[in-house]
Amino acid sequence: MAYEPNGLSMTLRTAAKAGVKKGDVIVVFGGDVVRGPAKVSEKLRASKPGDKVALDVRRDGRVQKLTVE
């Protein structure tokens, strides 16, 4: 993961299984706007295996909605 001013860039293999691609920037995680890596860490800690989480990712200048498990 890498911080970007308007979201978080994820390159994790597990995220790729959920449709997140290298270079995507997470801008909303579980309904909360991402303003840095701390928010994603907080949301990940609160999640349990098998939980479905809605993500908005910025890809190629457009926002796409994904659901990850």
C-alpha atoms as a PDB file:
ATOM      1  CA  MET A   1       0.000   0.000   0.000  1.00  0.00           C
ATOM      2  CA  ALA A   2       1.148   3.501  -0.656  1.00  0.00           C
ATOM      3  CA  TYR A   3      -0.357   6.758   0.530  1.00  0.00           C
ATOM      4  CA  GLU A   4      -1.537   9.231  -2.059  1.00  0.00           C
ATOM      5  CA  PRO A   5      -3.007  12.647  -1.220  1.00  0.00           C
ATOM      6  CA  ASN A   6      -6.525  11.620  -2.230  1.00  0.00           C
ATOM      7  CA  GLY A   7      -6.674   7.977  -1.236  1.00  0.00           C
ATOM      8  CA  LEU A   8      -4.572   4.872  -0.873  1.00  0.00           C
ATOM      9  CA  SER A   9      -2.880   2.912  -3.620  1.00  0.00           C
ATOM     10  CA  MET A  10      -3.017  -0.845  -3.114  1.00  0.00           C
ATOM     11  CA  THR A  11      -0.810  -3.414  -4.762  1.00  0.00           C
ATOM     12  CA  LEU A  12      -1.620  -6.372  -2.496  1.00  0.00           C
ATOM     13  CA  ARG A  13      -2.216  -9.744  -4.143  1.00  0.00           C
ATOM     14  CA  THR A  14      -5.345 -10.384  -2.067  1.00  0.00           C
ATOM     15  CA  ALA A  15      -6.871  -7.129  -3.244  1.00  0.00           C
ATOM     16  CA  ALA A  16      -6.260  -8.208  -6.830  1.00  0.00           C
ATOM     17  CA  LYS A  17      -8.461 -11.250  -6.258  1.00  0.00           C
ATOM     18  CA  ALA A  18     -11.277  -8.864  -5.397  1.00  0.00           C
ATOM     19  CA  GLY A  19     -10.853  -6.837  -8.578  1.00  0.00           C
ATOM     20  CA  VAL A  20      -8.529  -4.145  -7.251  1.00  0.00           C
ATOM     21  CA  LYS A  21      -5.803  -3.593  -9.819  1.00  0.00           C
ATOM     22  CA  LYS A  22      -2.269  -2.331  -9.422  1.00  0.00           C
ATOM     23  CA  GLY A  23      -2.385   1.438  -9.535  1.00  0.00           C
ATOM     24  CA  ASP A  24      -5.963   1.694  -8.245  1.00  0.00           C
ATOM     25  CA  VAL A  25      -6.390   4.286  -5.530  1.00  0.00           C
ATOM     26  CA  ILE A  26      -8.931   3.497  -2.817  1.00  0.00           C
ATOM     27  CA  VAL A  27     -10.934   6.649  -2.175  1.00  0.00           C
ATOM     28  CA  VAL A  28     -13.798   5.150  -0.134  1.00  0.00           C
ATOM     29  CA  PHE A  29     -13.493   2.081   2.113  1.00  0.00           C
ATOM     30  CA  GLY A  30     -16.613   0.714   3.779  1.00  0.00           C
ATOM     31  CA  GLY A  31     -18.487   3.973   3.309  1.00  0.00           C
ATOM     32  CA  ASP A  32     -15.730   6.185   4.742  1.00  0.00           C
ATOM     33  CA  VAL A  33     -13.612   8.549   2.672  1.00  0.00           C
ATOM     34  CA  VAL A  34      -9.949   7.510   2.744  1.00  0.00           C
ATOM     35  CA  ARG A  35      -7.664  10.351   3.707  1.00  0.00           C
ATOM     36  CA  GLY A  36      -4.631   8.212   4.427  1.00  0.00           C
ATOM     37  CA  PRO A  37      -3.452   4.731   5.311  1.00  0.00           C
ATOM     38  CA  ALA A  38      -4.628   4.972   8.930  1.00  0.00           C
ATOM     39  CA  LYS A  39      -8.275   4.872   7.840  1.00  0.00           C
ATOM     40  CA  VAL A  40      -7.775   1.691   5.820  1.00  0.00           C
ATOM     41  CA  SER A  41      -5.841   0.079   8.667  1.00  0.00           C
ATOM     42  CA  GLU A  42      -8.643   0.993  11.070  1.00  0.00           C
ATOM     43  CA  LYS A  43     -11.294  -0.482   8.761  1.00  0.00           C
ATOM     44  CA  LEU A  44      -9.246  -3.637   8.127  1.00  0.00           C
ATOM     45  CA  ARG A  45      -8.836  -4.231  11.864  1.00  0.00           C
ATOM     46  CA  ALA A  46     -12.594  -3.873  12.337  1.00  0.00           C
ATOM     47  CA  SER A  47     -13.326  -6.378   9.541  1.00  0.00           C
ATOM     48  CA  LYS A  48     -13.590 -10.115  10.006  1.00  0.00           C
ATOM     49  CA  PRO A  49     -12.671 -12.793   7.471  1.00  0.00           C
ATOM     50  CA  GLY A  50     -15.577 -13.187   5.069  1.00  0.00           C
ATOM     51  CA  ASP A  51     -16.944  -9.662   5.617  1.00  0.00           C
ATOM     52  CA  LYS A  52     -17.947  -7.891   2.425  1.00  0.00           C
ATOM     53  CA  VAL A  53     -16.652  -4.345   2.145  1.00  0.00           C
ATOM     54  CA  ALA A  54     -17.634  -1.767  -0.451  1.00  0.00           C
ATOM     55  CA  LEU A  55     -14.760   0.115  -2.051  1.00  0.00           C
ATOM     56  CA  ASP A  56     -14.644   3.029  -4.433  1.00  0.00           C
ATOM     57  CA  VAL A  57     -11.395   3.031  -6.370  1.00  0.00           C
ATOM     58  CA  ARG A  58     -10.019   5.607  -8.770  1.00  0.00           C
ATOM     59  CA  ARG A  59      -8.814   3.849 -11.896  1.00  0.00           C
ATOM     60  CA  ASP A  60      -7.688   5.672 -15.022  1.00  0.00           C
ATOM     61  CA  GLY A  61      -9.333   8.881 -13.830  1.00  0.00           C
ATOM     62  CA  ARG A  62     -12.720   7.289 -13.105  1.00  0.00           C
ATOM     63  CA  VAL A  63     -14.228   6.006  -9.885  1.00  0.00           C
ATOM     64  CA  GLN A  64     -15.339   2.376  -9.887  1.00  0.00           C
ATOM     65  CA  LYS A  65     -17.307   0.582  -7.203  1.00  0.00           C
ATOM     66  CA  LEU A  66     -16.113  -2.818  -5.991  1.00  0.00           C
ATOM     67  CA  THR A  67     -17.116  -5.222  -3.265  1.00  0.00           C
ATOM     68  CA  VAL A  68     -14.319  -7.159  -1.622  1.00  0.00           C
ATOM     69  CA  GLU A  69     -14.536 -10.117   0.704  1.00  0.00           C
END
